[in-house]
Amino acid sequence: MSDYSFSTKPIQYAVEVEGIIDARWSEWFSGLDVSFVPSSLDARRTILIASLPDQSALPALLARVTGLNLKVLSVTPGPVPGPK
């Protein structure tokens, strides 16, 4: 019999979406850090940084994002890199 050990440490994800998330939607993302990243002179992107209990919580987060009709540009697991 194999001995599997499951990590109980949260997993961090950065979800980049096209556009700016209005402050009125912040309740949908309670517990998340929301960072705004400019992508060009006119357009903006929003990066949602979330610590989730495990990978199975990721679909629920993405459902919140798509529920706001936001276009997901990328999903990156692991620690979010700091500014260069």
PDB file of N, CA and C in Angstrom:
ATOM      1  N   MET A   1       0.835  -1.170   0.000  1.00  0.00           N
ATOM      2  CA  MET A   1       0.000   0.000   0.000  1.00  0.00           C
ATOM      3  C   MET A   1       0.886   1.241   0.000  1.00  0.00           C
ATOM      4  N   SER A   2       0.536   2.220  -0.815  1.00  0.00           N
ATOM      5  CA  SER A   2       1.312   3.458  -0.901  1.00  0.00           C
ATOM      6  C   SER A   2       0.905   4.412   0.204  1.00  0.00           C
ATOM      7  N   ASP A   3       1.872   5.166   0.667  1.00  0.00           N
ATOM      8  CA  ASP A   3       1.608   6.186   1.674  1.00  0.00           C
ATOM      9  C   ASP A   3       1.639   7.544   0.998  1.00  0.00           C
ATOM     10  N   TYR A   4       0.471   8.153   0.846  1.00  0.00           N
ATOM     11  CA  TYR A   4       0.379   9.474   0.234  1.00  0.00           C
ATOM     12  C   TYR A   4       0.275  10.514   1.320  1.00  0.00           C
ATOM     13  N   SER A   5       1.071  11.566   1.211  1.00  0.00           N
ATOM     14  CA  SER A   5       0.924  12.665   2.159  1.00  0.00           C
ATOM     15  C   SER A   5       0.459  13.887   1.371  1.00  0.00           C
ATOM     16  N   PHE A   6      -0.623  14.441   1.838  1.00  0.00           N
ATOM     17  CA  PHE A   6      -1.201  15.597   1.171  1.00  0.00           C
ATOM     18  C   PHE A   6      -0.804  16.860   1.910  1.00  0.00           C
ATOM     19  N   SER A   7      -0.435  17.856   1.164  1.00  0.00           N
ATOM     20  CA  SER A   7      -0.044  19.129   1.740  1.00  0.00           C
ATOM     21  C   SER A   7      -1.275  19.876   2.237  1.00  0.00           C
ATOM     22  N   THR A   8      -1.155  20.476   3.408  1.00  0.00           N
ATOM     23  CA  THR A   8      -2.239  21.294   3.934  1.00  0.00           C
ATOM     24  C   THR A   8      -1.923  22.779   3.778  1.00  0.00           C
ATOM     25  N   LYS A   9      -0.822  23.076   3.099  1.00  0.00           N
ATOM     26  CA  LYS A   9      -0.438  24.462   2.877  1.00  0.00           C
ATOM     27  C   LYS A   9      -1.267  25.035   1.732  1.00  0.00           C
ATOM     28  N   PRO A  10      -1.705  26.280   1.846  1.00  0.00           N
ATOM     29  CA  PRO A  10      -2.457  26.906   0.753  1.00  0.00           C
ATOM     30  C   PRO A  10      -1.602  27.020  -0.506  1.00  0.00           C
ATOM     31  N   ILE A  11      -2.276  27.044  -1.630  1.00  0.00           N
ATOM     32  CA  ILE A  11      -1.617  27.227  -2.927  1.00  0.00           C
ATOM     33  C   ILE A  11      -1.953  28.624  -3.417  1.00  0.00           C
ATOM     34  N   GLN A  12      -0.943  29.358  -3.853  1.00  0.00           N
ATOM     35  CA  GLN A  12      -1.168  30.720  -4.336  1.00  0.00           C
ATOM     36  C   GLN A  12      -1.322  30.704  -5.852  1.00  0.00           C
ATOM     37  N   TYR A  13      -2.291  31.461  -6.337  1.00  0.00           N
ATOM     38  CA  TYR A  13      -2.530  31.612  -7.765  1.00  0.00           C
ATOM     39  C   TYR A  13      -2.625  33.088  -8.111  1.00  0.00           C
ATOM     40  N   ALA A  14      -2.144  33.423  -9.303  1.00  0.00           N
ATOM     41  CA  ALA A  14      -2.343  34.751  -9.873  1.00  0.00           C
ATOM     42  C   ALA A  14      -3.203  34.564 -11.119  1.00  0.00           C
ATOM     43  N   VAL A  15      -4.360  35.197 -11.133  1.00  0.00           N
ATOM     44  CA  VAL A  15      -5.277  35.120 -12.269  1.00  0.00           C
ATOM     45  C   VAL A  15      -5.315  36.495 -12.913  1.00  0.00           C
ATOM     46  N   GLU A  16      -4.828  36.569 -14.144  1.00  0.00           N
ATOM     47  CA  GLU A  16      -4.802  37.845 -14.862  1.00  0.00           C
ATOM     48  C   GLU A  16      -6.014  37.912 -15.781  1.00  0.00           C
ATOM     49  N   VAL A  17      -6.749  39.031 -15.680  1.00  0.00           N
ATOM     50  CA  VAL A  17      -7.940  39.221 -16.504  1.00  0.00           C
ATOM     51  C   VAL A  17      -7.821  40.537 -17.266  1.00  0.00           C
ATOM     52  N   GLU A  18      -8.556  40.609 -18.368  1.00  0.00           N
ATOM     53  CA  GLU A  18      -8.586  41.824 -19.167  1.00  0.00           C
ATOM     54  C   GLU A  18      -9.579  42.785 -18.531  1.00  0.00           C
ATOM     55  N   GLY A  19      -9.173  44.031 -18.378  1.00  0.00           N
ATOM     56  CA  GLY A  19     -10.056  45.050 -17.825  1.00  0.00           C
ATOM     57  C   GLY A  19      -9.830  45.284 -16.348  1.00  0.00           C
ATOM     58  N   ILE A  20     -10.581  46.238 -15.827  1.00  0.00           N
ATOM     59  CA  ILE A  20     -10.488  46.618 -14.423  1.00  0.00           C
ATOM     60  C   ILE A  20     -11.720  46.093 -13.697  1.00  0.00           C
ATOM     61  N   ILE A  21     -11.495  45.482 -12.564  1.00  0.00           N
ATOM     62  CA  ILE A  21     -12.614  45.037 -11.745  1.00  0.00           C
ATOM     63  C   ILE A  21     -13.064  46.215 -10.896  1.00  0.00           C
ATOM     64  N   ASP A  22     -14.312  46.579 -11.041  1.00  0.00           N
ATOM     65  CA  ASP A  22     -14.887  47.692 -10.296  1.00  0.00           C
ATOM     66  C   ASP A  22     -14.927  47.355  -8.804  1.00  0.00           C
ATOM     67  N   ALA A  23     -14.732  48.367  -7.963  1.00  0.00           N
ATOM     68  CA  ALA A  23     -14.699  48.160  -6.514  1.00  0.00           C
ATOM     69  C   ALA A  23     -15.994  47.542  -5.990  1.00  0.00           C
ATOM     70  N   ARG A  24     -17.115  47.747  -6.669  1.00  0.00           N
ATOM     71  CA  ARG A  24     -18.381  47.185  -6.194  1.00  0.00           C
ATOM     72  C   ARG A  24     -18.388  45.659  -6.235  1.00  0.00           C
ATOM     73  N   TRP A  25     -17.469  45.060  -6.982  1.00  0.00           N
ATOM     74  CA  TRP A  25     -17.385  43.601  -7.059  1.00  0.00           C
ATOM     75  C   TRP A  25     -16.396  43.031  -6.052  1.00  0.00           C
ATOM     76  N   SER A  26     -15.765  43.886  -5.260  1.00  0.00           N
ATOM     77  CA  SER A  26     -14.724  43.404  -4.345  1.00  0.00           C
ATOM     78  C   SER A  26     -15.261  42.378  -3.351  1.00  0.00           C
ATOM     79  N   GLU A  27     -16.540  42.450  -3.000  1.00  0.00           N
ATOM     80  CA  GLU A  27     -17.124  41.475  -2.080  1.00  0.00           C
ATOM     81  C   GLU A  27     -17.066  40.059  -2.663  1.00  0.00           C
ATOM     82  N   TRP A  28     -17.168  39.938  -3.993  1.00  0.00           N
ATOM     83  CA  TRP A  28     -17.074  38.636  -4.651  1.00  0.00           C
ATOM     84  C   TRP A  28     -15.691  38.034  -4.457  1.00  0.00           C
ATOM     85  N   PHE A  29     -14.695  38.888  -4.242  1.00  0.00           N
ATOM     86  CA  PHE A  29     -13.310  38.439  -4.140  1.00  0.00           C
ATOM     87  C   PHE A  29     -12.750  38.670  -2.742  1.00  0.00           C
ATOM     88  N   SER A  30     -13.604  38.594  -1.727  1.00  0.00           N
ATOM     89  CA  SER A  30     -13.117  38.811  -0.368  1.00  0.00           C
ATOM     90  C   SER A  30     -12.027  37.786  -0.059  1.00  0.00           C
ATOM     91  N   GLY A  31     -10.979  38.247   0.603  1.00  0.00           N
ATOM     92  CA  GLY A  31      -9.858  37.378   0.926  1.00  0.00           C
ATOM     93  C   GLY A  31      -8.765  37.366  -0.124  1.00  0.00           C
ATOM     94  N   LEU A  32      -8.974  38.073  -1.225  1.00  0.00           N
ATOM     95  CA  LEU A  32      -7.968  38.121  -2.284  1.00  0.00           C
ATOM     96  C   LEU A  32      -7.297  39.485  -2.302  1.00  0.00           C
ATOM     97  N   ASP A  33      -6.044  39.501  -2.720  1.00  0.00           N
ATOM     98  CA  ASP A  33      -5.369  40.759  -3.009  1.00  0.00           C
ATOM     99  C   ASP A  33      -5.666  41.076  -4.461  1.00  0.00           C
ATOM    100  N   VAL A  34      -6.063  42.302  -4.739  1.00  0.00           N
ATOM    101  CA  VAL A  34      -6.341  42.707  -6.109  1.00  0.00           C
ATOM    102  C   VAL A  34      -5.304  43.756  -6.497  1.00  0.00           C
ATOM    103  N   SER A  35      -4.547  43.470  -7.549  1.00  0.00           N
ATOM    104  CA  SER A  35      -3.539  44.401  -8.047  1.00  0.00           C
ATOM    105  C   SER A  35      -3.894  44.791  -9.471  1.00  0.00           C
ATOM    106  N   PHE A  36      -3.736  46.057  -9.797  1.00  0.00           N
ATOM    107  CA  PHE A  36      -4.010  46.546 -11.149  1.00  0.00           C
ATOM    108  C   PHE A  36      -2.690  46.737 -11.882  1.00  0.00           C
ATOM    109  N   VAL A  37      -2.597  46.142 -13.068  1.00  0.00           N
ATOM    110  CA  VAL A  37      -1.376  46.189 -13.852  1.00  0.00           C
ATOM    111  C   VAL A  37      -1.686  46.799 -15.205  1.00  0.00           C
ATOM    112  N   PRO A  38      -1.093  47.951 -15.560  1.00  0.00           N
ATOM    113  CA  PRO A  38      -1.343  48.525 -16.893  1.00  0.00           C
ATOM    114  C   PRO A  38      -0.718  47.652 -17.975  1.00  0.00           C
ATOM    115  N   SER A  39      -1.465  47.447 -19.071  1.00  0.00           N
ATOM    116  CA  SER A  39      -0.939  46.614 -20.143  1.00  0.00           C
ATOM    117  C   SER A  39      -0.624  47.406 -21.408  1.00  0.00           C
ATOM    118  N   SER A  40      -1.171  48.601 -21.521  1.00  0.00           N
ATOM    119  CA  SER A  40      -0.876  49.471 -22.662  1.00  0.00           C
ATOM    120  C   SER A  40      -1.306  50.883 -22.294  1.00  0.00           C
ATOM    121  N   LEU A  41      -1.255  51.799 -23.223  1.00  0.00           N
ATOM    122  CA  LEU A  41      -1.649  53.172 -22.932  1.00  0.00           C
ATOM    123  C   LEU A  41      -3.142  53.298 -22.628  1.00  0.00           C
ATOM    124  N   ASP A  42      -3.969  52.477 -23.252  1.00  0.00           N
ATOM    125  CA  ASP A  42      -5.415  52.601 -23.088  1.00  0.00           C
ATOM    126  C   ASP A  42      -6.030  51.496 -22.228  1.00  0.00           C
ATOM    127  N   ALA A  43      -5.526  50.293 -22.353  1.00  0.00           N
ATOM    128  CA  ALA A  43      -6.155  49.150 -21.689  1.00  0.00           C
ATOM    129  C   ALA A  43      -5.465  48.844 -20.363  1.00  0.00           C
ATOM    130  N   ARG A  44      -6.184  48.190 -19.501  1.00  0.00           N
ATOM    131  CA  ARG A  44      -5.622  47.742 -18.232  1.00  0.00           C
ATOM    132  C   ARG A  44      -5.968  46.286 -18.014  1.00  0.00           C
ATOM    133  N   ARG A  45      -5.198  45.689 -17.186  1.00  0.00           N
ATOM    134  CA  ARG A  45      -5.447  44.311 -16.772  1.00  0.00           C
ATOM    135  C   ARG A  45      -5.492  44.283 -15.255  1.00  0.00           C
ATOM    136  N   THR A  46      -6.219  43.340 -14.728  1.00  0.00           N
ATOM    137  CA  THR A  46      -6.289  43.153 -13.288  1.00  0.00           C
ATOM    138  C   THR A  46      -5.688  41.797 -12.959  1.00  0.00           C
ATOM    139  N   ILE A  47      -4.864  41.768 -11.939  1.00  0.00           N
ATOM    140  CA  ILE A  47      -4.333  40.504 -11.452  1.00  0.00           C
ATOM    141  C   ILE A  47      -4.951  40.240 -10.089  1.00  0.00           C
ATOM    142  N   LEU A  48      -5.634  39.110  -9.978  1.00  0.00           N
ATOM    143  CA  LEU A  48      -6.189  38.674  -8.707  1.00  0.00           C
ATOM    144  C   LEU A  48      -5.205  37.685  -8.108  1.00  0.00           C
ATOM    145  N   ILE A  49      -4.776  37.927  -6.900  1.00  0.00           N
ATOM    146  CA  ILE A  49      -3.848  37.027  -6.232  1.00  0.00           C
ATOM    147  C   ILE A  49      -4.613  36.348  -5.107  1.00  0.00           C
ATOM    148  N   ALA A  50      -4.656  35.023  -5.143  1.00  0.00           N
ATOM    149  CA  ALA A  50      -5.452  34.281  -4.164  1.00  0.00           C
ATOM    150  C   ALA A  50      -4.652  33.156  -3.546  1.00  0.00           C
ATOM    151  N   SER A  51      -4.839  32.968  -2.250  1.00  0.00           N
ATOM    152  CA  SER A  51      -4.328  31.775  -1.573  1.00  0.00           C
ATOM    153  C   SER A  51      -5.515  30.850  -1.393  1.00  0.00           C
ATOM    154  N   LEU A  52      -5.451  29.702  -2.047  1.00  0.00           N
ATOM    155  CA  LEU A  52      -6.547  28.742  -2.005  1.00  0.00           C
ATOM    156  C   LEU A  52      -6.123  27.533  -1.186  1.00  0.00           C
ATOM    157  N   PRO A  53      -7.087  26.865  -0.538  1.00  0.00           N
ATOM    158  CA  PRO A  53      -6.725  25.717   0.300  1.00  0.00           C
ATOM    159  C   PRO A  53      -6.100  24.582  -0.494  1.00  0.00           C
ATOM    160  N   ASP A  54      -6.518  24.419  -1.757  1.00  0.00           N
ATOM    161  CA  ASP A  54      -5.954  23.400  -2.628  1.00  0.00           C
ATOM    162  C   ASP A  54      -6.391  23.692  -4.062  1.00  0.00           C
ATOM    163  N   GLN A  55      -5.901  22.891  -4.990  1.00  0.00           N
ATOM    164  CA  GLN A  55      -6.180  23.138  -6.403  1.00  0.00           C
ATOM    165  C   GLN A  55      -7.661  22.980  -6.736  1.00  0.00           C
ATOM    166  N   SER A  56      -8.377  22.176  -5.971  1.00  0.00           N
ATOM    167  CA  SER A  56      -9.792  21.959  -6.262  1.00  0.00           C
ATOM    168  C   SER A  56     -10.629  23.230  -6.045  1.00  0.00           C
ATOM    169  N   ALA A  57     -10.090  24.234  -5.352  1.00  0.00           N
ATOM    170  CA  ALA A  57     -10.799  25.498  -5.150  1.00  0.00           C
ATOM    171  C   ALA A  57     -10.640  26.441  -6.345  1.00  0.00           C
ATOM    172  N   LEU A  58      -9.720  26.140  -7.241  1.00  0.00           N
ATOM    173  CA  LEU A  58      -9.464  27.015  -8.391  1.00  0.00           C
ATOM    174  C   LEU A  58     -10.677  27.162  -9.314  1.00  0.00           C
ATOM    175  N   PRO A  59     -11.402  26.089  -9.659  1.00  0.00           N
ATOM    176  CA  PRO A  59     -12.574  26.271 -10.529  1.00  0.00           C
ATOM    177  C   PRO A  59     -13.615  27.233  -9.958  1.00  0.00           C
ATOM    178  N   ALA A  60     -13.792  27.242  -8.640  1.00  0.00           N
ATOM    179  CA  ALA A  60     -14.749  28.171  -8.028  1.00  0.00           C
ATOM    180  C   ALA A  60     -14.287  29.614  -8.202  1.00  0.00           C
ATOM    181  N   LEU A  61     -12.988  29.848  -8.048  1.00  0.00           N
ATOM    182  CA  LEU A  61     -12.448  31.192  -8.266  1.00  0.00           C
ATOM    183  C   LEU A  61     -12.646  31.615  -9.715  1.00  0.00           C
ATOM    184  N   LEU A  62     -12.343  30.726 -10.649  1.00  0.00           N
ATOM    185  CA  LEU A  62     -12.508  31.054 -12.070  1.00  0.00           C
ATOM    186  C   LEU A  62     -13.981  31.267 -12.419  1.00  0.00           C
ATOM    187  N   ALA A  63     -14.889  30.558 -11.750  1.00  0.00           N
ATOM    188  CA  ALA A  63     -16.318  30.769 -11.977  1.00  0.00           C
ATOM    189  C   ALA A  63     -16.728  32.164 -11.535  1.00  0.00           C
ATOM    190  N   ARG A  64     -16.143  32.666 -10.453  1.00  0.00           N
ATOM    191  CA  ARG A  64     -16.427  34.042 -10.016  1.00  0.00           C
ATOM    192  C   ARG A  64     -15.970  35.037 -11.085  1.00  0.00           C
ATOM    193  N   VAL A  65     -14.776  34.805 -11.603  1.00  0.00           N
ATOM    194  CA  VAL A  65     -14.208  35.704 -12.612  1.00  0.00           C
ATOM    195  C   VAL A  65     -15.074  35.715 -13.873  1.00  0.00           C
ATOM    196  N   THR A  66     -15.411  34.530 -14.366  1.00  0.00           N
ATOM    197  CA  THR A  66     -16.213  34.469 -15.588  1.00  0.00           C
ATOM    198  C   THR A  66     -17.645  34.916 -15.332  1.00  0.00           C
ATOM    199  N   GLY A  67     -18.109  34.808 -14.099  1.00  0.00           N
ATOM    200  CA  GLY A  67     -19.428  35.324 -13.732  1.00  0.00           C
ATOM    201  C   GLY A  67     -19.519  36.832 -13.860  1.00  0.00           C
ATOM    202  N   LEU A  68     -18.375  37.494 -13.787  1.00  0.00           N
ATOM    203  CA  LEU A  68     -18.317  38.948 -13.995  1.00  0.00           C
ATOM    204  C   LEU A  68     -18.084  39.297 -15.461  1.00  0.00           C
ATOM    205  N   ASN A  69     -18.102  38.268 -16.317  1.00  0.00           N
ATOM    206  CA  ASN A  69     -17.894  38.432 -17.761  1.00  0.00           C
ATOM    207  C   ASN A  69     -16.510  38.996 -18.075  1.00  0.00           C
ATOM    208  N   LEU A  70     -15.514  38.557 -17.302  1.00  0.00           N
ATOM    209  CA  LEU A  70     -14.135  38.980 -17.524  1.00  0.00           C
ATOM    210  C   LEU A  70     -13.397  37.916 -18.325  1.00  0.00           C
ATOM    211  N   LYS A  71     -12.542  38.349 -19.221  1.00  0.00           N
ATOM    212  CA  LYS A  71     -11.740  37.444 -20.041  1.00  0.00           C
ATOM    213  C   LYS A  71     -10.474  37.067 -19.274  1.00  0.00           C
ATOM    214  N   VAL A  72     -10.300  35.772 -19.013  1.00  0.00           N
ATOM    215  CA  VAL A  72      -9.109  35.275 -18.318  1.00  0.00           C
ATOM    216  C   VAL A  72      -7.956  35.229 -19.309  1.00  0.00           C
ATOM    217  N   LEU A  73      -6.859  35.894 -18.974  1.00  0.00           N
ATOM    218  CA  LEU A  73      -5.673  35.927 -19.830  1.00  0.00           C
ATOM    219  C   LEU A  73      -4.633  34.900 -19.408  1.00  0.00           C
ATOM    220  N   SER A  74      -4.522  34.673 -18.105  1.00  0.00           N
ATOM    221  CA  SER A  74      -3.571  33.668 -17.623  1.00  0.00           C
ATOM    222  C   SER A  74      -3.901  33.263 -16.198  1.00  0.00           C
ATOM    223  N   VAL A  75      -3.482  32.056 -15.856  1.00  0.00           N
ATOM    224  CA  VAL A  75      -3.567  31.537 -14.489  1.00  0.00           C
ATOM    225  C   VAL A  75      -2.188  30.984 -14.174  1.00  0.00           C
ATOM    226  N   THR A  76      -1.561  31.510 -13.132  1.00  0.00           N
ATOM    227  CA  THR A  76      -0.206  31.113 -12.790  1.00  0.00           C
ATOM    228  C   THR A  76      -0.175  30.600 -11.356  1.00  0.00           C
ATOM    229  N   PRO A  77       0.199  29.325 -11.142  1.00  0.00           N
ATOM    230  CA  PRO A  77       0.320  28.819  -9.770  1.00  0.00           C
ATOM    231  C   PRO A  77       1.662  29.189  -9.176  1.00  0.00           C
ATOM    232  N   GLY A  78       1.711  29.132  -7.865  1.00  0.00           N
ATOM    233  CA  GLY A  78       2.972  29.364  -7.165  1.00  0.00           C
ATOM    234  C   GLY A  78       3.107  30.785  -6.695  1.00  0.00           C
ATOM    235  N   PRO A  79       4.183  31.079  -6.028  1.00  0.00           N
ATOM    236  CA  PRO A  79       4.401  32.430  -5.517  1.00  0.00           C
ATOM    237  C   PRO A  79       4.397  33.447  -6.655  1.00  0.00           C
ATOM    238  N   VAL A  80       3.781  34.561  -6.377  1.00  0.00           N
ATOM    239  CA  VAL A  80       3.715  35.630  -7.372  1.00  0.00           C
ATOM    240  C   VAL A  80       5.016  36.415  -7.292  1.00  0.00           C
ATOM    241  N   PRO A  81       5.711  36.573  -8.428  1.00  0.00           N
ATOM    242  CA  PRO A  81       6.985  37.304  -8.396  1.00  0.00           C
ATOM    243  C   PRO A  81       6.774  38.765  -8.047  1.00  0.00           C
ATOM    244  N   GLY A  82       7.718  39.324  -7.329  1.00  0.00           N
ATOM    245  CA  GLY A  82       7.654  40.732  -6.964  1.00  0.00           C
ATOM    246  C   GLY A  82       8.097  41.602  -8.124  1.00  0.00           C
ATOM    247  N   PRO A  83       8.046  42.927  -7.935  1.00  0.00           N
ATOM    248  CA  PRO A  83       8.472  43.850  -8.983  1.00  0.00           C
ATOM    249  C   PRO A  83       9.948  43.687  -9.304  1.00  0.00           C
ATOM    250  N   LYS A  84      10.299  43.909 -10.552  1.00  0.00           N
ATOM    251  CA  LYS A  84      11.698  43.778 -10.981  1.00  0.00           C
ATOM    252  C   LYS A  84      12.412  45.089 -10.913  1.00  0.00           C
TER     253      LYS A  84
END
